[in-house]
PDB file of N, CA and C in Angstrom:
ATOM      1  N   UNK A   1       0.837  -1.182   0.000  1.00  0.00           N
ATOM      2  CA  UNK A   1       0.000   0.000   0.000  1.00  0.00           C
ATOM      3  C   UNK A   1       0.878   1.241   0.000  1.00  0.00           C
ATOM      4  N   UNK A   2       0.518   2.212  -0.830  1.00  0.00           N
ATOM      5  CA  UNK A   2       1.258   3.476  -0.904  1.00  0.00           C
ATOM      6  C   UNK A   2       0.281   4.622  -0.691  1.00  0.00           C
ATOM      7  N   UNK A   3       0.512   5.420   0.352  1.00  0.00           N
ATOM      8  CA  UNK A   3      -0.366   6.546   0.660  1.00  0.00           C
ATOM      9  C   UNK A   3       0.445   7.827   0.802  1.00  0.00           C
ATOM     10  N   UNK A   4      -0.070   8.891   0.188  1.00  0.00           N
ATOM     11  CA  UNK A   4       0.528  10.217   0.277  1.00  0.00           C
ATOM     12  C   UNK A   4      -0.332  11.041   1.224  1.00  0.00           C
ATOM     13  N   UNK A   5       0.288  11.646   2.232  1.00  0.00           N
ATOM     14  CA  UNK A   5      -0.437  12.397   3.250  1.00  0.00           C
ATOM     15  C   UNK A   5      -0.005  13.855   3.263  1.00  0.00           C
ATOM     16  N   UNK A   6      -0.983  14.738   3.464  1.00  0.00           N
ATOM     17  CA  UNK A   6      -0.730  16.132   3.811  1.00  0.00           C
ATOM     18  C   UNK A   6      -1.374  16.340   5.173  1.00  0.00           C
ATOM     19  N   UNK A   7      -0.573  16.765   6.129  1.00  0.00           N
ATOM     20  CA  UNK A   7      -1.026  16.880   7.508  1.00  0.00           C
ATOM     21  C   UNK A   7      -1.042  18.359   7.876  1.00  0.00           C
ATOM     22  N   UNK A   8      -2.220  18.838   8.295  1.00  0.00           N
ATOM     23  CA  UNK A   8      -2.440  20.256   8.569  1.00  0.00           C
ATOM     24  C   UNK A   8      -2.584  20.490  10.063  1.00  0.00           C
ATOM     25  N   UNK A   9      -2.331  21.723  10.478  1.00  0.00           N
ATOM     26  CA  UNK A   9      -2.477  22.128  11.867  1.00  0.00           C
ATOM     27  C   UNK A   9      -1.151  22.629  12.400  1.00  0.00           C
ATOM     28  N   UNK A  10      -0.994  22.537  13.712  1.00  0.00           N
ATOM     29  CA  UNK A  10       0.287  22.895  14.336  1.00  0.00           C
ATOM     30  C   UNK A  10       1.175  21.652  14.253  1.00  0.00           C
ATOM     31  N   UNK A  11       1.861  21.537  13.122  1.00  0.00           N
ATOM     32  CA  UNK A  11       2.627  20.315  12.856  1.00  0.00           C
ATOM     33  C   UNK A  11       4.100  20.600  12.539  1.00  0.00           C
ATOM     34  N   UNK A  12       4.482  21.873  12.520  1.00  0.00           N
ATOM     35  CA  UNK A  12       5.891  22.203  12.331  1.00  0.00           C
ATOM     36  C   UNK A  12       6.422  22.846  13.603  1.00  0.00           C
ATOM     37  N   UNK A  13       7.683  22.546  13.900  1.00  0.00           N
ATOM     38  CA  UNK A  13       8.296  23.076  15.106  1.00  0.00           C
ATOM     39  C   UNK A  13       7.898  22.322  16.370  1.00  0.00           C
ATOM     40  N   UNK A  14       7.301  21.146  16.185  1.00  0.00           N
ATOM     41  CA  UNK A  14       6.836  20.353  17.330  1.00  0.00           C
ATOM     42  C   UNK A  14       7.416  18.935  17.318  1.00  0.00           C
ATOM     43  N   UNK A  15       8.374  18.667  16.432  1.00  0.00           N
ATOM     44  CA  UNK A  15       8.997  17.347  16.367  1.00  0.00           C
ATOM     45  C   UNK A  15       8.202  16.318  15.586  1.00  0.00           C
ATOM     46  N   UNK A  16       7.264  16.777  14.757  1.00  0.00           N
ATOM     47  CA  UNK A  16       6.381  15.842  14.043  1.00  0.00           C
ATOM     48  C   UNK A  16       7.166  14.913  13.123  1.00  0.00           C
ATOM     49  N   UNK A  17       8.106  15.471  12.364  1.00  0.00           N
ATOM     50  CA  UNK A  17       8.855  14.631  11.409  1.00  0.00           C
ATOM     51  C   UNK A  17       9.642  13.533  12.116  1.00  0.00           C
ATOM     52  N   UNK A  18      10.272  13.868  13.234  1.00  0.00           N
ATOM     53  CA  UNK A  18      11.083  12.884  13.958  1.00  0.00           C
ATOM     54  C   UNK A  18      10.187  11.847  14.634  1.00  0.00           C
ATOM     55  N   UNK A  19       9.040  12.298  15.125  1.00  0.00           N
ATOM     56  CA  UNK A  19       8.053  11.391  15.723  1.00  0.00           C
ATOM     57  C   UNK A  19       7.579  10.384  14.670  1.00  0.00           C
ATOM     58  N   UNK A  20       7.243  10.879  13.469  1.00  0.00           N
ATOM     59  CA  UNK A  20       6.755   9.999  12.404  1.00  0.00           C
ATOM     60  C   UNK A  20       7.864   9.061  11.919  1.00  0.00           C
ATOM     61  N   UNK A  21       9.068   9.573  11.842  1.00  0.00           N
ATOM     62  CA  UNK A  21      10.217   8.751  11.443  1.00  0.00           C
ATOM     63  C   UNK A  21      10.354   7.542  12.382  1.00  0.00           C
ATOM     64  N   UNK A  22      10.311   7.794  13.686  1.00  0.00           N
ATOM     65  CA  UNK A  22      10.440   6.704  14.667  1.00  0.00           C
ATOM     66  C   UNK A  22       9.321   5.675  14.496  1.00  0.00           C
ATOM     67  N   UNK A  23       8.085   6.137  14.321  1.00  0.00           N
ATOM     68  CA  UNK A  23       6.937   5.236  14.166  1.00  0.00           C
ATOM     69  C   UNK A  23       7.082   4.408  12.885  1.00  0.00           C
ATOM     70  N   UNK A  24       7.496   5.050  11.799  1.00  0.00           N
ATOM     71  CA  UNK A  24       7.619   4.357  10.513  1.00  0.00           C
ATOM     72  C   UNK A  24       8.704   3.285  10.569  1.00  0.00           C
ATOM     73  N   UNK A  25       9.841   3.607  11.163  1.00  0.00           N
ATOM     74  CA  UNK A  25      10.945   2.646  11.259  1.00  0.00           C
ATOM     75  C   UNK A  25      10.495   1.419  12.048  1.00  0.00           C
ATOM     76  N   UNK A  26       9.777   1.630  13.146  1.00  0.00           N
ATOM     77  CA  UNK A  26       9.325   0.510  13.976  1.00  0.00           C
ATOM     78  C   UNK A  26       8.372  -0.405  13.215  1.00  0.00           C
ATOM     79  N   UNK A  27       7.612   0.148  12.286  1.00  0.00           N
ATOM     80  CA  UNK A  27       6.639  -0.641  11.525  1.00  0.00           C
ATOM     81  C   UNK A  27       7.188  -1.114  10.171  1.00  0.00           C
ATOM     82  N   UNK A  28       8.469  -0.860   9.916  1.00  0.00           N
ATOM     83  CA  UNK A  28       9.082  -1.266   8.656  1.00  0.00           C
ATOM     84  C   UNK A  28       8.389  -0.612   7.450  1.00  0.00           C
ATOM     85  N   UNK A  29       7.983   0.636   7.632  1.00  0.00           N
ATOM     86  CA  UNK A  29       7.367   1.411   6.549  1.00  0.00           C
ATOM     87  C   UNK A  29       8.455   2.244   5.892  1.00  0.00           C
ATOM     88  N   UNK A  30       8.415   2.295   4.565  1.00  0.00           N
ATOM     89  CA  UNK A  30       9.380   3.133   3.857  1.00  0.00           C
ATOM     90  C   UNK A  30       8.664   4.321   3.255  1.00  0.00           C
ATOM     91  N   UNK A  31       9.455   5.285   2.796  1.00  0.00           N
ATOM     92  CA  UNK A  31       8.896   6.507   2.221  1.00  0.00           C
ATOM     93  C   UNK A  31       9.650   7.708   2.755  1.00  0.00           C
ATOM     94  N   UNK A  32       8.914   8.786   3.046  1.00  0.00           N
ATOM     95  CA  UNK A  32       9.563  10.002   3.531  1.00  0.00           C
ATOM     96  C   UNK A  32       8.581  10.863   4.305  1.00  0.00           C
ATOM     97  N   UNK A  33       9.145  11.842   5.001  1.00  0.00           N
ATOM     98  CA  UNK A  33       8.371  12.900   5.641  1.00  0.00           C
ATOM     99  C   UNK A  33       9.158  14.189   5.468  1.00  0.00           C
ATOM    100  N   UNK A  34       8.447  15.297   5.254  1.00  0.00           N
ATOM    101  CA  UNK A  34       9.121  16.588   5.125  1.00  0.00           C
ATOM    102  C   UNK A  34       8.149  17.709   5.461  1.00  0.00           C
ATOM    103  N   UNK A  35       8.722  18.843   5.878  1.00  0.00           N
ATOM    104  CA  UNK A  35       7.941  20.056   6.064  1.00  0.00           C
ATOM    105  C   UNK A  35       7.731  20.709   4.710  1.00  0.00           C
ATOM    106  N   UNK A  36       6.564  21.323   4.527  1.00  0.00           N
ATOM    107  CA  UNK A  36       6.319  22.125   3.335  1.00  0.00           C
ATOM    108  C   UNK A  36       6.363  23.589   3.729  1.00  0.00           C
ATOM    109  N   UNK A  37       6.837  24.419   2.820  1.00  0.00           N
ATOM    110  CA  UNK A  37       6.949  25.850   3.101  1.00  0.00           C
ATOM    111  C   UNK A  37       5.589  26.441   3.470  1.00  0.00           C
ATOM    112  N   UNK A  38       4.516  25.865   2.933  1.00  0.00           N
ATOM    113  CA  UNK A  38       3.162  26.362   3.199  1.00  0.00           C
ATOM    114  C   UNK A  38       2.650  25.996   4.595  1.00  0.00           C
ATOM    115  N   UNK A  39       3.432  25.223   5.370  1.00  0.00           N
ATOM    116  CA  UNK A  39       3.090  24.970   6.771  1.00  0.00           C
ATOM    117  C   UNK A  39       2.637  23.557   7.098  1.00  0.00           C
ATOM    118  N   UNK A  40       2.369  22.735   6.079  1.00  0.00           N
ATOM    119  CA  UNK A  40       1.942  21.360   6.339  1.00  0.00           C
ATOM    120  C   UNK A  40       3.155  20.445   6.456  1.00  0.00           C
ATOM    121  N   UNK A  41       2.877  19.232   6.925  1.00  0.00           N
ATOM    122  CA  UNK A  41       3.846  18.147   6.837  1.00  0.00           C
ATOM    123  C   UNK A  41       3.359  17.207   5.745  1.00  0.00           C
ATOM    124  N   UNK A  42       4.259  16.814   4.868  1.00  0.00           N
ATOM    125  CA  UNK A  42       3.945  15.888   3.778  1.00  0.00           C
ATOM    126  C   UNK A  42       4.640  14.568   4.066  1.00  0.00           C
ATOM    127  N   UNK A  43       3.941  13.466   3.805  1.00  0.00           N
ATOM    128  CA  UNK A  43       4.538  12.155   4.050  1.00  0.00           C
ATOM    129  C   UNK A  43       4.105  11.164   2.976  1.00  0.00           C
ATOM    130  N   UNK A  44       4.990  10.236   2.687  1.00  0.00           N
ATOM    131  CA  UNK A  44       4.678   9.091   1.837  1.00  0.00           C
ATOM    132  C   UNK A  44       4.910   7.849   2.682  1.00  0.00           C
ATOM    133  N   UNK A  45       3.873   7.019   2.794  1.00  0.00           N
ATOM    134  CA  UNK A  45       3.948   5.796   3.594  1.00  0.00           C
ATOM    135  C   UNK A  45       3.766   4.597   2.675  1.00  0.00           C
ATOM    136  N   UNK A  46       4.747   3.701   2.667  1.00  0.00           N
ATOM    137  CA  UNK A  46       4.693   2.498   1.837  1.00  0.00           C
ATOM    138  C   UNK A  46       4.947   1.297   2.737  1.00  0.00           C
ATOM    139  N   UNK A  47       3.989   0.375   2.737  1.00  0.00           N
ATOM    140  CA  UNK A  47       4.135  -0.818   3.567  1.00  0.00           C
ATOM    141  C   UNK A  47       2.889  -1.674   3.454  1.00  0.00           C
ATOM    142  N   UNK A  48       2.752  -2.630   4.378  1.00  0.00           N
ATOM    143  CA  UNK A  48       1.556  -3.470   4.317  1.00  0.00           C
ATOM    144  C   UNK A  48       0.341  -2.665   4.795  1.00  0.00           C
ATOM    145  N   UNK A  49      -0.835  -3.066   4.347  1.00  0.00           N
ATOM    146  CA  UNK A  49      -2.065  -2.299   4.569  1.00  0.00           C
ATOM    147  C   UNK A  49      -2.303  -2.001   6.052  1.00  0.00           C
ATOM    148  N   UNK A  50      -2.174  -3.009   6.881  1.00  0.00           N
ATOM    149  CA  UNK A  50      -2.473  -2.847   8.304  1.00  0.00           C
ATOM    150  C   UNK A  50      -1.562  -1.810   8.955  1.00  0.00           C
ATOM    151  N   UNK A  51      -0.256  -1.906   8.686  1.00  0.00           N
ATOM    152  CA  UNK A  51       0.704  -0.980   9.298  1.00  0.00           C
ATOM    153  C   UNK A  51       0.500   0.445   8.795  1.00  0.00           C
ATOM    154  N   UNK A  52       0.275   0.606   7.493  1.00  0.00           N
ATOM    155  CA  UNK A  52       0.074   1.947   6.928  1.00  0.00           C
ATOM    156  C   UNK A  52      -1.199   2.560   7.505  1.00  0.00           C
ATOM    157  N   UNK A  53      -2.284   1.806   7.557  1.00  0.00           N
ATOM    158  CA  UNK A  53      -3.536   2.330   8.095  1.00  0.00           C
ATOM    159  C   UNK A  53      -3.402   2.717   9.567  1.00  0.00           C
ATOM    160  N   UNK A  54      -2.679   1.907  10.329  1.00  0.00           N
ATOM    161  CA  UNK A  54      -2.469   2.218  11.742  1.00  0.00           C
ATOM    162  C   UNK A  54      -1.650   3.495  11.904  1.00  0.00           C
ATOM    163  N   UNK A  55      -0.626   3.662  11.064  1.00  0.00           N
ATOM    164  CA  UNK A  55       0.214   4.855  11.142  1.00  0.00           C
ATOM    165  C   UNK A  55      -0.575   6.103  10.718  1.00  0.00           C
ATOM    166  N   UNK A  56      -1.460   5.968   9.745  1.00  0.00           N
ATOM    167  CA  UNK A  56      -2.313   7.101   9.349  1.00  0.00           C
ATOM    168  C   UNK A  56      -3.176   7.531  10.540  1.00  0.00           C
ATOM    169  N   UNK A  57      -3.744   6.570  11.263  1.00  0.00           N
ATOM    170  CA  UNK A  57      -4.550   6.903  12.447  1.00  0.00           C
ATOM    171  C   UNK A  57      -3.706   7.649  13.479  1.00  0.00           C
ATOM    172  N   UNK A  58      -2.458   7.223  13.655  1.00  0.00           N
ATOM    173  CA  UNK A  58      -1.580   7.908  14.609  1.00  0.00           C
ATOM    174  C   UNK A  58      -1.265   9.323  14.129  1.00  0.00           C
ATOM    175  N   UNK A  59      -1.133   9.510  12.804  1.00  0.00           N
ATOM    176  CA  UNK A  59      -0.858  10.837  12.250  1.00  0.00           C
ATOM    177  C   UNK A  59      -2.032  11.788  12.481  1.00  0.00           C
ATOM    178  N   UNK A  60      -3.240  11.247  12.563  1.00  0.00           N
ATOM    179  CA  UNK A  60      -4.409  12.090  12.798  1.00  0.00           C
ATOM    180  C   UNK A  60      -4.387  12.687  14.204  1.00  0.00           C
ATOM    181  N   UNK A  61      -3.642  12.077  15.114  1.00  0.00           N
ATOM    182  CA  UNK A  61      -3.448  12.613  16.466  1.00  0.00           C
ATOM    183  C   UNK A  61      -2.119  13.368  16.556  1.00  0.00           C
ATOM    184  N   UNK A  62      -1.060  12.776  16.003  1.00  0.00           N
ATOM    185  CA  UNK A  62       0.259  13.398  16.041  1.00  0.00           C
ATOM    186  C   UNK A  62       0.915  13.275  17.400  1.00  0.00           C
ATOM    187  N   UNK A  63       2.137  13.800  17.518  1.00  0.00           N
ATOM    188  CA  UNK A  63       2.816  13.785  18.812  1.00  0.00           C
ATOM    189  C   UNK A  63       2.114  14.734  19.789  1.00  0.00           C
ATOM    190  N   UNK A  64       2.430  14.588  21.047  1.00  0.00           N
ATOM    191  CA  UNK A  64       1.766  15.332  22.112  1.00  0.00           C
ATOM    192  C   UNK A  64       1.783  16.846  21.864  1.00  0.00           C
ATOM    193  N   UNK A  65       2.886  17.379  21.378  1.00  0.00           N
ATOM    194  CA  UNK A  65       3.042  18.831  21.230  1.00  0.00           C
ATOM    195  C   UNK A  65       2.376  19.391  19.967  1.00  0.00           C
ATOM    196  N   UNK A  66       1.832  18.536  19.126  1.00  0.00           N
ATOM    197  CA  UNK A  66       1.206  19.003  17.885  1.00  0.00           C
ATOM    198  C   UNK A  66      -0.297  19.193  18.080  1.00  0.00           C
ATOM    199  N   UNK A  67      -0.926  19.792  17.066  1.00  0.00           N
ATOM    200  CA  UNK A  67      -2.383  19.916  17.038  1.00  0.00           C
ATOM    201  C   UNK A  67      -2.822  19.703  15.593  1.00  0.00           C
ATOM    202  N   UNK A  68      -3.093  18.452  15.244  1.00  0.00           N
ATOM    203  CA  UNK A  68      -3.468  18.102  13.871  1.00  0.00           C
ATOM    204  C   UNK A  68      -4.937  18.477  13.658  1.00  0.00           C
ATOM    205  N   UNK A  69      -5.200  19.253  12.591  1.00  0.00           N
ATOM    206  CA  UNK A  69      -6.574  19.657  12.292  1.00  0.00           C
ATOM    207  C   UNK A  69      -7.156  18.882  11.120  1.00  0.00           C
ATOM    208  N   UNK A  70      -6.285  18.373  10.237  1.00  0.00           N
ATOM    209  CA  UNK A  70      -6.778  17.640   9.064  1.00  0.00           C
ATOM    210  C   UNK A  70      -5.649  16.799   8.476  1.00  0.00           C
ATOM    211  N   UNK A  71      -6.012  15.641   7.936  1.00  0.00           N
ATOM    212  CA  UNK A  71      -5.071  14.816   7.179  1.00  0.00           C
ATOM    213  C   UNK A  71      -5.728  14.491   5.845  1.00  0.00           C
ATOM    214  N   UNK A  72      -5.106  14.944   4.757  1.00  0.00           N
ATOM    215  CA  UNK A  72      -5.588  14.597   3.420  1.00  0.00           C
ATOM    216  C   UNK A  72      -4.786  13.397   2.936  1.00  0.00           C
ATOM    217  N   UNK A  73      -5.496  12.378   2.473  1.00  0.00           N
ATOM    218  CA  UNK A  73      -4.864  11.110   2.097  1.00  0.00           C
ATOM    219  C   UNK A  73      -5.190  10.805   0.640  1.00  0.00           C
ATOM    220  N   UNK A  74      -4.165  10.467  -0.115  1.00  0.00           N
ATOM    221  CA  UNK A  74      -4.359  10.045  -1.504  1.00  0.00           C
ATOM    222  C   UNK A  74      -3.545   8.786  -1.766  1.00  0.00           C
ATOM    223  N   UNK A  75      -4.039   7.960  -2.686  1.00  0.00           N
ATOM    224  CA  UNK A  75      -3.228   6.843  -3.158  1.00  0.00           C
ATOM    225  C   UNK A  75      -2.048   7.412  -3.922  1.00  0.00           C
ATOM    226  N   UNK A  76      -0.908   6.746  -3.812  1.00  0.00           N
ATOM    227  CA  UNK A  76       0.309   7.181  -4.493  1.00  0.00           C
ATOM    228  C   UNK A  76       0.571   6.196  -5.621  1.00  0.00           C
ATOM    229  N   UNK A  77       0.528   6.684  -6.850  1.00  0.00           N
ATOM    230  CA  UNK A  77       0.602   5.802  -8.025  1.00  0.00           C
ATOM    231  C   UNK A  77       2.015   5.677  -8.602  1.00  0.00           C
ATOM    232  N   UNK A  78       2.894   6.608  -8.239  1.00  0.00           N
ATOM    233  CA  UNK A  78       4.224   6.611  -8.851  1.00  0.00           C
ATOM    234  C   UNK A  78       5.125   5.547  -8.227  1.00  0.00           C
ATOM    235  N   UNK A  79       6.202   5.257  -8.936  1.00  0.00           N
ATOM    236  CA  UNK A  79       7.210   4.360  -8.389  1.00  0.00           C
ATOM    237  C   UNK A  79       7.995   5.091  -7.308  1.00  0.00           C
ATOM    238  N   UNK A  80       8.356   4.381  -6.272  1.00  0.00           N
ATOM    239  CA  UNK A  80       9.236   4.921  -5.234  1.00  0.00           C
ATOM    240  C   UNK A  80      10.165   3.797  -4.827  1.00  0.00           C
ATOM    241  N   UNK A  81      11.409   3.887  -5.250  1.00  0.00           N
ATOM    242  CA  UNK A  81      12.315   2.744  -5.119  1.00  0.00           C
ATOM    243  C   UNK A  81      13.172   2.765  -3.859  1.00  0.00           C
ATOM    244  N   UNK A  82      13.194   3.872  -3.125  1.00  0.00           N
ATOM    245  CA  UNK A  82      14.019   3.935  -1.923  1.00  0.00           C
ATOM    246  C   UNK A  82      13.528   2.921  -0.898  1.00  0.00           C
ATOM    247  N   UNK A  83      14.446   2.211  -0.286  1.00  0.00           N
ATOM    248  CA  UNK A  83      14.089   1.145   0.648  1.00  0.00           C
ATOM    249  C   UNK A  83      14.143   1.596   2.104  1.00  0.00           C
ATOM    250  N   UNK A  84      14.190   2.903   2.329  1.00  0.00           N
ATOM    251  CA  UNK A  84      14.282   3.417   3.700  1.00  0.00           C
ATOM    252  C   UNK A  84      13.157   4.429   3.950  1.00  0.00           C
ATOM    253  N   UNK A  85      13.090   4.933   5.162  1.00  0.00           N
ATOM    254  CA  UNK A  85      12.186   6.029   5.478  1.00  0.00           C
ATOM    255  C   UNK A  85      13.064   7.217   5.821  1.00  0.00           C
ATOM    256  N   UNK A  86      12.860   8.329   5.137  1.00  0.00           N
ATOM    257  CA  UNK A  86      13.775   9.462   5.243  1.00  0.00           C
ATOM    258  C   UNK A  86      13.055  10.738   5.665  1.00  0.00           C
ATOM    259  N   UNK A  87      13.784  11.577   6.370  1.00  0.00           N
ATOM    260  CA  UNK A  87      13.335  12.941   6.625  1.00  0.00           C
ATOM    261  C   UNK A  87      13.991  13.805   5.565  1.00  0.00           C
ATOM    262  N   UNK A  88      13.173  14.411   4.716  1.00  0.00           N
ATOM    263  CA  UNK A  88      13.688  15.211   3.607  1.00  0.00           C
ATOM    264  C   UNK A  88      13.672  16.692   3.955  1.00  0.00           C
ATOM    265  N   UNK A  89      14.476  17.459   3.241  1.00  0.00           N
ATOM    266  CA  UNK A  89      14.485  18.914   3.413  1.00  0.00           C
ATOM    267  C   UNK A  89      13.199  19.512   2.886  1.00  0.00           C
ATOM    268  N   UNK A  90      12.816  20.644   3.439  1.00  0.00           N
ATOM    269  CA  UNK A  90      11.597  21.347   3.012  1.00  0.00           C
ATOM    270  C   UNK A  90      11.689  21.737   1.548  1.00  0.00           C
ATOM    271  N   UNK A  91      10.515  21.894   0.924  1.00  0.00           N
ATOM    272  CA  UNK A  91      10.495  22.432  -0.442  1.00  0.00           C
ATOM    273  C   UNK A  91       9.356  23.405  -0.583  1.00  0.00           C
TER     274      UNK A  91
END
């Protein structure tokens, strides 16, 4: 399963990317997470259905210091060959 997420709310400056990185590594999910200049956090989650769905539910709450107001989820159709989960630089 491949899901592309845009996470809205107070999600930058609160450790969201590092929190998501830790959760993804534990679940053997690959993809990436990064801050967007417009204020959201963007993530790509690739893994088995159960783990990806569980991680999406956790993203809807976020780490303790965040305040997630919305998560937009889309299927990701493109190829993504990286075998790790990475924190990418903002764009």
